[in-house]
N, C-alpha and C. Protein backbone atom coordinates (compact mmCIF):
# COMPACT_ATOMS: atom_id res chain seq x y z
N MET A 1 0.85 -1.19 0.15
CA MET A 1 0.07 0.04 0.01
C MET A 1 0.84 1.41 -0.09
N THR A 2 0.34 2.44 -0.79
CA THR A 2 1.51 3.26 -1.07
C THR A 2 1.00 4.40 0.01
N PRO A 3 1.77 5.20 0.11
CA PRO A 3 1.58 6.64 1.19
C PRO A 3 0.68 7.19 0.72
N ALA A 4 0.09 7.30 -0.61
CA ALA A 4 -0.98 7.99 -0.99
C ALA A 4 -2.02 7.32 -0.85
N THR A 5 -2.40 6.10 -0.80
CA THR A 5 -3.49 5.13 -0.80
C THR A 5 -4.01 5.44 0.87
N VAL A 6 -2.83 5.31 1.43
CA VAL A 6 -3.03 5.35 3.20
C VAL A 6 -3.74 6.63 3.42
N VAL A 7 -3.15 7.76 2.87
CA VAL A 7 -3.72 9.32 3.13
C VAL A 7 -5.30 9.33 2.52
N ALA A 8 -5.24 8.74 1.21
CA ALA A 8 -6.57 8.84 0.65
C ALA A 8 -7.61 8.16 1.57
N VAL A 9 -7.34 6.80 2.17
CA VAL A 9 -8.17 6.26 3.08
C VAL A 9 -8.52 6.87 4.20
N LEU A 10 -7.49 7.37 4.75
CA LEU A 10 -7.59 8.44 6.08
C LEU A 10 -8.51 9.46 5.88
N LEU A 11 -8.18 10.36 4.89
CA LEU A 11 -9.22 11.35 4.55
C LEU A 11 -10.68 10.91 4.01
N GLY A 12 -10.61 9.82 3.21
CA GLY A 12 -12.09 9.62 3.07
C GLY A 12 -12.55 9.20 4.10
N GLY A 13 -11.98 8.02 5.18
CA GLY A 13 -12.92 7.66 6.32
C GLY A 13 -13.30 9.13 7.06
N ALA A 14 -12.37 10.28 7.30
CA ALA A 14 -12.59 11.05 8.03
C ALA A 14 -14.03 11.97 7.41
N VAL A 15 -13.86 11.95 6.24
CA VAL A 15 -15.42 12.53 5.54
C VAL A 15 -16.22 11.68 5.63
N GLY A 16 -16.32 10.67 5.49
CA GLY A 16 -17.60 9.24 5.56
C GLY A 16 -18.03 9.53 7.05
N THR A 17 -17.24 9.20 8.00
CA THR A 17 -17.67 9.32 9.42
C THR A 17 -18.52 10.56 9.55
N ALA A 18 -17.93 11.74 9.11
CA ALA A 18 -18.70 13.06 9.67
C ALA A 18 -19.90 13.04 8.79
N LEU A 19 -20.12 12.53 7.70
CA LEU A 19 -21.45 12.52 6.83
C LEU A 19 -22.33 11.35 7.94
N ARG A 20 -21.46 10.27 8.26
CA ARG A 20 -22.46 9.41 8.58
C ARG A 20 -22.81 9.90 10.19
N ALA A 21 -21.99 10.65 10.98
CA ALA A 21 -22.66 11.31 12.22
C ALA A 21 -23.87 12.24 11.98
N GLY A 22 -23.34 13.11 10.82
CA GLY A 22 -24.52 14.14 10.45
C GLY A 22 -25.63 13.42 10.18
N LEU A 23 -25.88 12.31 9.57
CA LEU A 23 -27.15 11.39 9.41
C LEU A 23 -27.78 11.08 10.56
N ASP A 24 -27.23 10.76 11.53
CA ASP A 24 -27.61 10.43 12.61
C ASP A 24 -28.15 11.64 13.83
N LEU A 25 -27.54 12.45 13.59
CA LEU A 25 -27.91 13.91 14.02
C LEU A 25 -29.49 14.37 13.48
N VAL A 26 -29.32 14.32 12.22
CA VAL A 26 -30.11 14.40 11.49
C VAL A 26 -31.55 13.68 11.69
N LEU A 27 -31.31 12.38 11.81
CA LEU A 27 -32.71 11.41 11.94
C LEU A 27 -32.23 10.24 13.19
N PRO A 28 -32.34 11.04 14.33
CA PRO A 28 -31.74 10.38 15.35
C PRO A 28 -32.97 8.93 15.84
N HIS A 29 -32.51 8.25 16.24
CA HIS A 29 -33.31 7.13 16.82
C HIS A 29 -33.02 6.42 18.14
N GLY A 30 -34.01 5.95 19.01
CA GLY A 30 -33.48 5.54 20.07
C GLY A 30 -32.84 4.07 19.83
N GLU A 31 -32.75 3.26 20.90
CA GLU A 31 -31.87 1.78 20.90
C GLU A 31 -32.95 0.96 20.34
N THR A 32 -34.18 0.80 20.26
CA THR A 32 -34.99 0.04 20.04
C THR A 32 -36.12 0.69 19.12
N GLY A 33 -35.62 1.74 18.53
CA GLY A 33 -36.49 2.72 17.23
C GLY A 33 -36.24 2.10 15.88
N PHE A 34 -36.88 2.65 15.10
CA PHE A 34 -36.39 2.18 13.63
C PHE A 34 -35.48 2.81 13.43
N PRO A 35 -33.98 2.38 12.91
CA PRO A 35 -33.01 3.01 12.51
C PRO A 35 -32.92 3.52 11.27
N LEU A 36 -33.65 4.42 10.90
CA LEU A 36 -33.69 5.12 9.52
C LEU A 36 -32.42 5.43 8.98
N SER A 37 -31.49 6.32 9.61
CA SER A 37 -30.27 6.69 9.42
C SER A 37 -29.29 5.50 8.98
N THR A 38 -29.34 4.78 9.75
CA THR A 38 -28.60 3.39 9.48
C THR A 38 -28.85 2.94 7.99
N LEU A 39 -30.29 2.62 7.68
CA LEU A 39 -30.83 2.17 6.44
C LEU A 39 -30.55 3.28 5.46
N LEU A 40 -30.58 4.58 5.77
CA LEU A 40 -30.40 5.24 4.41
C LEU A 40 -28.92 5.50 4.45
N ALA A 41 -28.18 5.45 5.20
CA ALA A 41 -26.55 5.45 4.81
C ALA A 41 -26.15 4.42 4.07
N ASN A 42 -26.75 3.12 4.74
CA ASN A 42 -26.29 1.70 3.76
C ASN A 42 -26.89 1.66 2.59
N VAL A 43 -28.29 2.16 2.15
CA VAL A 43 -28.48 2.07 0.90
C VAL A 43 -27.86 2.94 0.00
N LEU A 44 -28.07 4.13 0.29
CA LEU A 44 -27.28 4.95 -0.44
C LEU A 44 -25.62 4.84 -0.76
N GLY A 45 -24.92 4.42 0.43
CA GLY A 45 -23.57 4.02 0.20
C GLY A 45 -23.37 2.70 -0.88
N SER A 46 -24.38 2.03 -0.86
CA SER A 46 -24.64 0.64 -1.59
C SER A 46 -24.73 1.27 -2.97
N PHE A 47 -25.68 2.05 -3.47
CA PHE A 47 -25.39 2.53 -4.51
C PHE A 47 -24.53 3.44 -5.00
N LEU A 48 -23.97 4.34 -4.42
CA LEU A 48 -22.76 5.30 -4.60
C LEU A 48 -21.49 4.35 -4.86
N LEU A 49 -21.44 3.20 -4.14
CA LEU A 49 -20.23 2.34 -4.33
C LEU A 49 -20.30 1.65 -5.46
N ALA A 50 -21.62 1.09 -5.82
CA ALA A 50 -21.73 0.49 -7.06
C ALA A 50 -21.65 1.19 -8.55
N LEU A 51 -22.11 2.43 -8.21
CA LEU A 51 -21.96 3.78 -9.51
C LEU A 51 -20.24 3.95 -9.67
N ALA A 52 -19.78 3.97 -8.58
CA ALA A 52 -18.51 4.35 -8.77
C ALA A 52 -17.36 3.28 -9.15
N VAL A 53 -17.91 2.20 -8.82
CA VAL A 53 -17.14 0.73 -9.19
C VAL A 53 -17.51 0.74 -11.03
N ALA A 54 -18.81 0.99 -11.44
CA ALA A 54 -19.02 0.65 -12.88
C ALA A 54 -18.86 2.03 -13.50
N ARG A 55 -18.29 2.92 -12.91
CA ARG A 55 -17.96 4.44 -13.74
C ARG A 55 -16.66 4.71 -13.58
N LEU A 56 -16.06 4.70 -12.32
CA LEU A 56 -14.88 5.23 -11.94
C LEU A 56 -13.57 4.33 -11.88
N TRP A 57 -14.11 3.02 -11.49
CA TRP A 57 -13.21 2.31 -11.16
C TRP A 57 -12.15 1.43 -12.12
N PRO A 58 -12.50 1.55 -13.48
CA PRO A 58 -11.81 0.82 -14.50
C PRO A 58 -10.38 1.95 -14.74
N ARG A 59 -11.03 3.18 -14.73
CA ARG A 59 -9.48 4.00 -15.27
C ARG A 59 -8.87 4.83 -13.82
N ALA A 60 -9.77 4.53 -12.59
CA ALA A 60 -9.26 5.32 -11.34
C ALA A 60 -7.68 4.78 -11.00
N ARG A 61 -7.29 5.68 -10.38
CA ARG A 61 -6.03 5.37 -9.70
C ARG A 61 -6.37 4.40 -8.26
N PRO A 62 -5.29 3.55 -7.61
CA PRO A 62 -5.72 2.72 -7.01
C PRO A 62 -6.14 3.48 -5.58
N TRP A 63 -5.43 4.73 -5.25
CA TRP A 63 -5.55 5.61 -4.13
C TRP A 63 -6.79 5.95 -4.28
N LEU A 64 -7.20 6.34 -5.47
CA LEU A 64 -8.79 7.03 -5.35
C LEU A 64 -9.48 6.08 -5.07
N ARG A 65 -9.52 4.64 -5.59
CA ARG A 65 -10.38 3.70 -5.34
C ARG A 65 -10.39 3.52 -3.94
N ALA A 66 -9.13 3.45 -3.42
CA ALA A 66 -9.25 3.09 -1.88
C ALA A 66 -9.93 4.39 -1.32
N GLY A 67 -9.49 5.56 -1.39
CA GLY A 67 -10.20 6.58 -0.54
C GLY A 67 -11.45 6.80 -0.80
N LEU A 68 -11.96 6.59 -2.17
CA LEU A 68 -13.53 6.63 -1.94
C LEU A 68 -14.21 5.47 -1.66
N GLY A 69 -13.59 4.11 -1.94
CA GLY A 69 -14.41 2.51 -1.53
C GLY A 69 -14.18 2.57 0.01
N THR A 70 -13.11 2.11 0.29
CA THR A 70 -12.89 1.85 1.81
C THR A 70 -12.71 3.10 2.67
N GLY A 71 -12.44 4.05 2.24
CA GLY A 71 -12.27 5.45 3.22
C GLY A 71 -13.58 5.75 3.47
N LEU A 72 -13.83 6.72 2.19
CA LEU A 72 -15.43 7.39 2.00
C LEU A 72 -16.63 6.65 2.53
N LEU A 73 -17.06 5.67 1.60
CA LEU A 73 -18.35 4.93 1.41
C LEU A 73 -18.08 4.10 2.66
N GLY A 74 -16.88 3.40 2.77
CA GLY A 74 -16.69 2.24 3.84
C GLY A 74 -17.26 3.16 5.16
N SER A 75 -16.53 3.92 5.46
CA SER A 75 -17.06 4.74 6.66
C SER A 75 -18.39 5.43 6.60
N PHE A 76 -18.75 5.48 5.74
CA PHE A 76 -20.28 6.26 5.67
C PHE A 76 -21.35 5.03 5.88
N THR A 77 -21.03 3.89 5.34
CA THR A 77 -21.99 2.60 5.70
C THR A 77 -21.38 1.98 6.78
N THR A 78 -22.49 1.34 7.65
CA THR A 78 -22.12 0.64 8.70
C THR A 78 -22.70 -0.79 8.80
N PHE A 79 -21.80 -1.86 8.81
CA PHE A 79 -22.72 -3.24 9.07
C PHE A 79 -22.86 -3.35 10.45
N SER A 80 -21.99 -2.78 11.25
CA SER A 80 -21.96 -2.65 12.93
C SER A 80 -23.04 -2.45 13.24
N ALA A 81 -23.48 -1.18 12.72
CA ALA A 81 -24.74 -0.38 13.20
C ALA A 81 -25.63 -1.02 12.72
N LEU A 82 -26.09 -1.87 11.76
CA LEU A 82 -27.08 -2.71 11.58
C LEU A 82 -27.20 -3.96 12.58
N ALA A 83 -25.95 -4.46 12.76
CA ALA A 83 -25.79 -5.84 13.71
C ALA A 83 -26.68 -5.23 15.25
N VAL A 84 -25.90 -4.15 15.57
CA VAL A 84 -26.23 -3.75 16.68
C VAL A 84 -27.63 -3.17 16.88
N SER A 85 -28.41 -2.72 15.97
CA SER A 85 -29.58 -2.18 15.92
C SER A 85 -30.48 -3.74 15.68
N LEU A 86 -30.19 -4.48 14.96
CA LEU A 86 -31.12 -5.76 14.89
C LEU A 86 -30.95 -6.68 16.02
N THR A 87 -29.80 -6.67 16.92
CA THR A 87 -29.82 -7.17 18.28
C THR A 87 -30.20 -6.72 19.11
N ALA A 88 -30.46 -5.17 19.45
CA ALA A 88 -31.28 -4.15 20.15
C ALA A 88 -32.81 -4.36 20.10
N MET A 89 -33.17 -4.61 18.96
CA MET A 89 -34.59 -4.69 18.73
C MET A 89 -34.99 -6.14 19.05
N THR A 90 -34.14 -7.13 18.83
CA THR A 90 -34.72 -8.39 19.08
C THR A 90 -34.77 -8.46 20.76
N GLN A 91 -33.71 -8.19 21.42
CA GLN A 91 -33.45 -8.13 23.01
C GLN A 91 -34.94 -7.55 23.57
N ALA A 92 -35.14 -6.50 22.76
CA ALA A 92 -36.52 -5.75 23.47
C ALA A 92 -37.98 -6.29 22.98
N GLY A 93 -37.53 -7.63 22.23
CA GLY A 93 -38.73 -8.36 21.96
C GLY A 93 -39.29 -7.75 20.44
N LEU A 94 -38.84 -6.92 19.86
CA LEU A 94 -39.49 -6.68 18.64
C LEU A 94 -38.98 -7.43 17.48
N VAL A 95 -39.17 -8.43 17.73
CA VAL A 95 -38.70 -9.61 16.45
C VAL A 95 -39.33 -9.16 15.24
N PRO A 96 -40.15 -9.20 15.27
CA PRO A 96 -40.85 -8.72 13.76
C PRO A 96 -40.34 -7.50 13.01
N LEU A 97 -39.97 -6.43 13.80
CA LEU A 97 -39.56 -5.41 13.30
C LEU A 97 -38.05 -5.39 13.12
N ALA A 98 -37.53 -6.31 13.96
CA ALA A 98 -35.84 -6.55 13.52
C ALA A 98 -36.02 -7.42 12.21
N VAL A 99 -36.73 -8.49 12.10
CA VAL A 99 -36.76 -9.03 10.85
C VAL A 99 -37.09 -8.07 9.56
N GLY A 100 -37.89 -7.43 9.77
CA GLY A 100 -38.61 -6.61 8.66
C GLY A 100 -37.33 -5.65 8.35
N TYR A 101 -36.61 -5.04 9.31
CA TYR A 101 -35.49 -3.95 9.20
C TYR A 101 -34.49 -4.87 8.37
N LEU A 102 -34.21 -6.27 8.59
CA LEU A 102 -33.05 -6.77 8.06
C LEU A 102 -33.54 -6.94 6.55
N VAL A 103 -34.58 -7.64 6.10
CA VAL A 103 -35.17 -7.94 4.97
C VAL A 103 -35.02 -6.45 4.21
N LEU A 104 -35.73 -5.48 4.71
CA LEU A 104 -35.78 -4.10 3.88
C LEU A 104 -34.37 -4.03 3.71
N SER A 105 -33.27 -3.88 4.62
CA SER A 105 -31.96 -3.55 4.69
C SER A 105 -31.48 -4.21 3.44
N LEU A 106 -31.56 -5.59 3.57
CA LEU A 106 -30.57 -6.27 2.10
C LEU A 106 -31.37 -5.88 1.22
N ALA A 107 -32.64 -6.03 0.70
CA ALA A 107 -33.27 -5.75 -0.65
C ALA A 107 -33.20 -4.50 -1.11
N ALA A 108 -33.02 -3.24 -0.06
CA ALA A 108 -32.95 -1.80 -0.73
C ALA A 108 -31.35 -2.13 -0.87
N GLY A 109 -30.33 -2.61 -0.09
CA GLY A 109 -29.18 -2.48 -0.51
C GLY A 109 -28.65 -3.17 -1.88
N PHE A 110 -29.35 -4.21 -1.97
CA PHE A 110 -28.97 -5.01 -3.05
C PHE A 110 -29.38 -4.15 -4.63
N ALA A 111 -30.90 -3.88 -4.33
CA ALA A 111 -31.69 -3.16 -5.55
C ALA A 111 -30.57 -1.59 -5.82
N ALA A 112 -30.47 -0.89 -4.78
CA ALA A 112 -29.31 0.13 -4.79
C ALA A 112 -28.19 -0.12 -5.55
N ALA A 113 -27.62 -1.29 -5.07
CA ALA A 113 -26.30 -1.38 -5.94
C ALA A 113 -26.44 -2.08 -7.43
N ALA A 114 -27.56 -2.57 -7.58
CA ALA A 114 -27.82 -2.92 -8.86
C ALA A 114 -28.12 -1.93 -9.82
N LEU A 115 -28.69 -0.71 -9.26
CA LEU A 115 -29.14 0.36 -10.08
C LEU A 115 -27.98 1.01 -10.04
N GLY A 116 -26.97 1.15 -9.39
CA GLY A 116 -25.89 1.91 -9.58
C GLY A 116 -25.11 1.35 -10.26
N LEU A 117 -25.05 0.45 -10.30
CA LEU A 117 -24.20 -0.50 -11.38
C LEU A 117 -24.52 -0.15 -12.79
N ARG A 118 -25.97 -0.23 -13.06
CA ARG A 118 -26.67 -0.19 -14.32
C ARG A 118 -26.57 1.22 -14.69
N LEU A 119 -26.65 1.92 -13.86
CA LEU A 119 -26.75 3.41 -14.40
C LEU A 119 -25.29 3.88 -14.64
N GLY A 120 -24.09 3.12 -13.95
CA GLY A 120 -22.81 3.51 -14.36
C GLY A 120 -22.05 3.18 -15.45
N ARG A 121 -22.74 1.69 -15.65
CA ARG A 121 -22.40 1.29 -17.21
C ARG A 121 -22.96 1.99 -18.09
N GLY A 122 -23.99 2.83 -18.09
CA GLY A 122 -24.57 3.43 -19.27
C GLY A 122 -25.50 2.66 -19.99
N PRO A 123 -26.37 3.21 -20.69
CA PRO A 123 -27.45 2.25 -21.71
C PRO A 123 -26.67 1.17 -22.50
N GLU A 124 -27.44 0.45 -22.60
CA GLU A 124 -26.95 -1.00 -22.96
C GLU A 124 -27.01 -0.47 -24.41
N PRO A 125 -25.94 -1.40 -25.56
CA PRO A 125 -26.24 -1.01 -26.89
C PRO A 125 -27.15 -1.77 -27.48
N LEU A 126 -27.73 -1.03 -28.56
CA LEU A 126 -28.90 -1.68 -29.09
C LEU A 126 -28.35 -2.74 -30.28
N GLU A 127 -29.26 -3.76 -29.97
CA GLU A 127 -28.43 -4.84 -31.21
C GLU A 127 -29.32 -4.76 -32.33
N ALA A 128 -28.52 -5.00 -33.59
CA ALA A 128 -28.71 -4.80 -34.66
C ALA A 128 -29.76 -6.25 -34.99
N ASP A 129 -30.58 -5.96 -35.89
CA ASP A 129 -31.57 -7.07 -36.63
C ASP A 129 -30.61 -8.12 -37.39
N GLU A 130 -30.45 -9.49 -37.28
CA GLU A 130 -29.94 -9.79 -38.06
C GLU A 130 -30.81 -10.69 -39.55
């Protein structure tokens, strides 16, 4: 790993963490409340990472990929917050809410990533009639 890559990850991580913290301030939730900020961060991050992978990764320098992917979007999205929310809801007896949140998180995350890849790759070329 080059020094430029390390710096890019550190800077991207600082920005992503600040954005994530800001989202939590704007959309706070209690320990067993519906964690909308986590859902939005993970879905938006899935979309943006897929868009970047499709659009930028083929020609981007390694330090830029690491700074945007691992740093910025890696720190903005968070599996650990998802896991903590699911555990707290389950322990509070809110199992249906926890299951619904998990299903929604996975479905929306995969859909957002698929959309990001699709938009990042651009329109499919039309096939000529033979």
